[in-house]
Amino acid sequence: MRKVIMLSLVVSFMAMVSGCATVIKGTTQSVTIDSSPQGAEVSIDGAYVGMTPLTIKLAKNKKETITVKKKGYRTVSRDMTKSFDPVGILNIFWDLSTTDFISGAAMEYEPNSYFFELQPKS
């Protein structure tokens, strides 16, 4: 019986300290990046992450700029845009905290898919 009470207290505590969006949608999001032609190098905030086409999980509160480059083509950079995830508002009513805003879960990448049309160098 004591273990059941302890487990109930732990579960209740975890529910109170975690935000709704953090629990429901998480602090990461899958983002798809593609280009024409494919096979271009992709960097996010200056760090290489792979070649197009690719889908990558990104922390919602950290990434800002995608750079795509391929030999013989102009390098293209684009800022990633974020929007408010309405699920984050539940956090305020759920436990009166800002967990979702601190963790980044209150935001989402919008769009979550980026396409780059690479232009040949002149």
Protein backbone atom coordinates (compact mmCIF):
# COMPACT_ATOMS: atom_id res chain seq x y z
CA MET A 1 0.00 0.00 0.00
CA ARG A 2 2.83 2.37 0.81
CA LYS A 3 4.41 1.77 -2.62
CA VAL A 4 1.12 2.63 -4.31
CA ILE A 5 0.91 5.91 -2.40
CA MET A 6 4.53 6.77 -3.24
CA LEU A 7 3.96 5.95 -6.92
CA SER A 8 0.84 8.12 -6.96
CA LEU A 9 2.77 11.01 -5.41
CA VAL A 10 5.61 10.67 -7.92
CA VAL A 11 3.22 10.57 -10.88
CA SER A 12 1.30 13.59 -9.54
CA PHE A 13 4.53 15.52 -9.02
CA MET A 14 5.75 14.72 -12.54
CA ALA A 15 2.46 15.87 -14.02
CA MET A 16 2.68 19.14 -12.13
CA VAL A 17 6.26 20.01 -13.09
CA SER A 18 5.97 19.11 -16.76
CA GLY A 19 4.12 21.26 -19.24
CA CYS A 20 1.29 20.08 -21.44
CA ALA A 21 3.02 20.73 -24.74
CA THR A 22 6.20 19.16 -23.37
CA VAL A 23 4.25 16.01 -22.53
CA ILE A 24 1.89 15.95 -25.53
CA LYS A 25 4.19 17.05 -28.37
CA GLY A 26 7.69 17.02 -26.87
CA THR A 27 10.59 19.44 -27.14
CA THR A 28 11.75 18.23 -30.56
CA GLN A 29 10.15 18.29 -33.99
CA SER A 30 10.90 16.53 -37.26
CA VAL A 31 11.87 18.91 -40.06
CA THR A 32 12.27 17.87 -43.70
CA ILE A 33 14.84 19.56 -45.94
CA ASP A 34 15.12 18.92 -49.67
CA SER A 35 16.71 20.60 -52.67
CA SER A 36 16.86 20.57 -56.41
CA PRO A 37 19.27 19.15 -57.31
CA GLN A 38 19.40 16.70 -54.43
CA GLY A 39 22.62 15.69 -52.70
CA ALA A 40 23.39 19.14 -51.30
CA GLU A 41 25.10 19.60 -47.93
CA VAL A 42 22.82 20.88 -45.16
CA SER A 43 24.04 22.84 -42.15
CA ILE A 44 21.89 24.20 -39.36
CA ASP A 45 23.34 27.09 -37.41
CA GLY A 46 26.72 26.31 -38.99
CA ALA A 47 26.77 22.61 -38.01
CA TYR A 48 26.65 19.97 -40.78
CA VAL A 49 23.60 17.70 -40.38
CA GLY A 50 23.44 15.71 -43.64
CA MET A 51 22.63 15.71 -47.35
CA THR A 52 19.33 16.45 -49.06
CA PRO A 53 16.79 14.97 -48.94
CA LEU A 54 16.70 14.49 -45.17
CA THR A 55 14.35 14.54 -42.22
CA ILE A 56 15.92 15.46 -38.90
CA LYS A 57 14.64 15.90 -35.34
CA LEU A 58 15.48 19.35 -34.02
CA ALA A 59 15.12 20.92 -30.59
CA LYS A 60 12.33 23.47 -30.87
CA ASN A 61 14.09 26.15 -28.88
CA LYS A 62 17.52 26.22 -30.53
CA LYS A 63 17.76 26.15 -34.31
CA GLU A 64 17.59 29.29 -36.43
CA THR A 65 19.19 29.08 -39.89
CA ILE A 66 19.43 26.38 -42.59
CA THR A 67 22.28 26.60 -45.11
CA VAL A 68 22.32 24.41 -48.23
CA LYS A 69 25.32 24.18 -50.54
CA LYS A 70 26.45 22.05 -53.45
CA LYS A 71 29.54 22.29 -55.60
CA GLY A 72 28.82 24.33 -58.73
CA TYR A 73 25.74 25.99 -57.17
CA ARG A 74 25.16 29.12 -55.13
CA THR A 75 24.92 28.59 -51.37
CA VAL A 76 21.49 29.41 -49.98
CA SER A 77 20.58 30.22 -46.37
CA ARG A 78 17.11 30.60 -44.94
CA ASP A 79 15.92 31.48 -41.45
CA MET A 80 13.67 28.89 -39.87
CA THR A 81 10.38 30.33 -38.70
CA LYS A 82 8.55 29.31 -35.56
CA SER A 83 5.02 29.85 -34.43
CA PHE A 84 3.25 29.47 -31.11
CA ASP A 85 1.84 25.99 -30.49
CA PRO A 86 -1.62 26.48 -28.94
CA VAL A 87 -1.13 23.35 -26.81
CA GLY A 88 1.39 25.43 -24.83
CA ILE A 89 -1.40 27.60 -23.43
CA LEU A 90 -2.75 24.53 -21.61
CA ASN A 91 0.40 24.57 -19.50
CA ILE A 92 -0.69 27.82 -17.84
CA PHE A 93 -4.05 26.33 -16.84
CA TRP A 94 -2.62 22.88 -16.04
CA ASP A 95 0.00 23.83 -13.47
CA LEU A 96 0.45 27.61 -13.62
CA SER A 97 4.01 27.26 -14.88
CA THR A 98 6.16 28.27 -17.83
CA THR A 99 7.75 24.86 -18.44
CA ASP A 100 6.67 24.76 -22.09
CA PHE A 101 8.18 28.17 -22.78
CA ILE A 102 11.48 27.29 -21.12
CA SER A 103 11.77 23.90 -22.85
CA GLY A 104 10.74 25.30 -26.23
CA ALA A 105 7.70 23.02 -26.44
CA ALA A 106 5.39 26.05 -26.67
CA MET A 107 6.81 26.77 -30.14
CA GLU A 108 6.88 24.74 -33.34
CA TYR A 109 8.69 25.05 -36.66
CA GLU A 110 6.24 26.40 -39.19
CA PRO A 111 6.66 25.24 -41.88
CA ASN A 112 8.22 21.93 -40.92
CA SER A 113 9.39 21.31 -44.49
CA TYR A 114 11.91 23.41 -46.43
CA PHE A 115 12.73 23.18 -50.14
CA PHE A 116 15.72 24.89 -51.76
CA GLU A 117 15.97 25.51 -55.51
CA LEU A 118 19.73 25.79 -56.07
CA GLN A 119 20.93 28.08 -58.84
CA PRO A 120 24.11 27.27 -60.84
CA LYS A 121 27.04 29.60 -60.30
CA SER A 122 27.53 31.98 -63.20
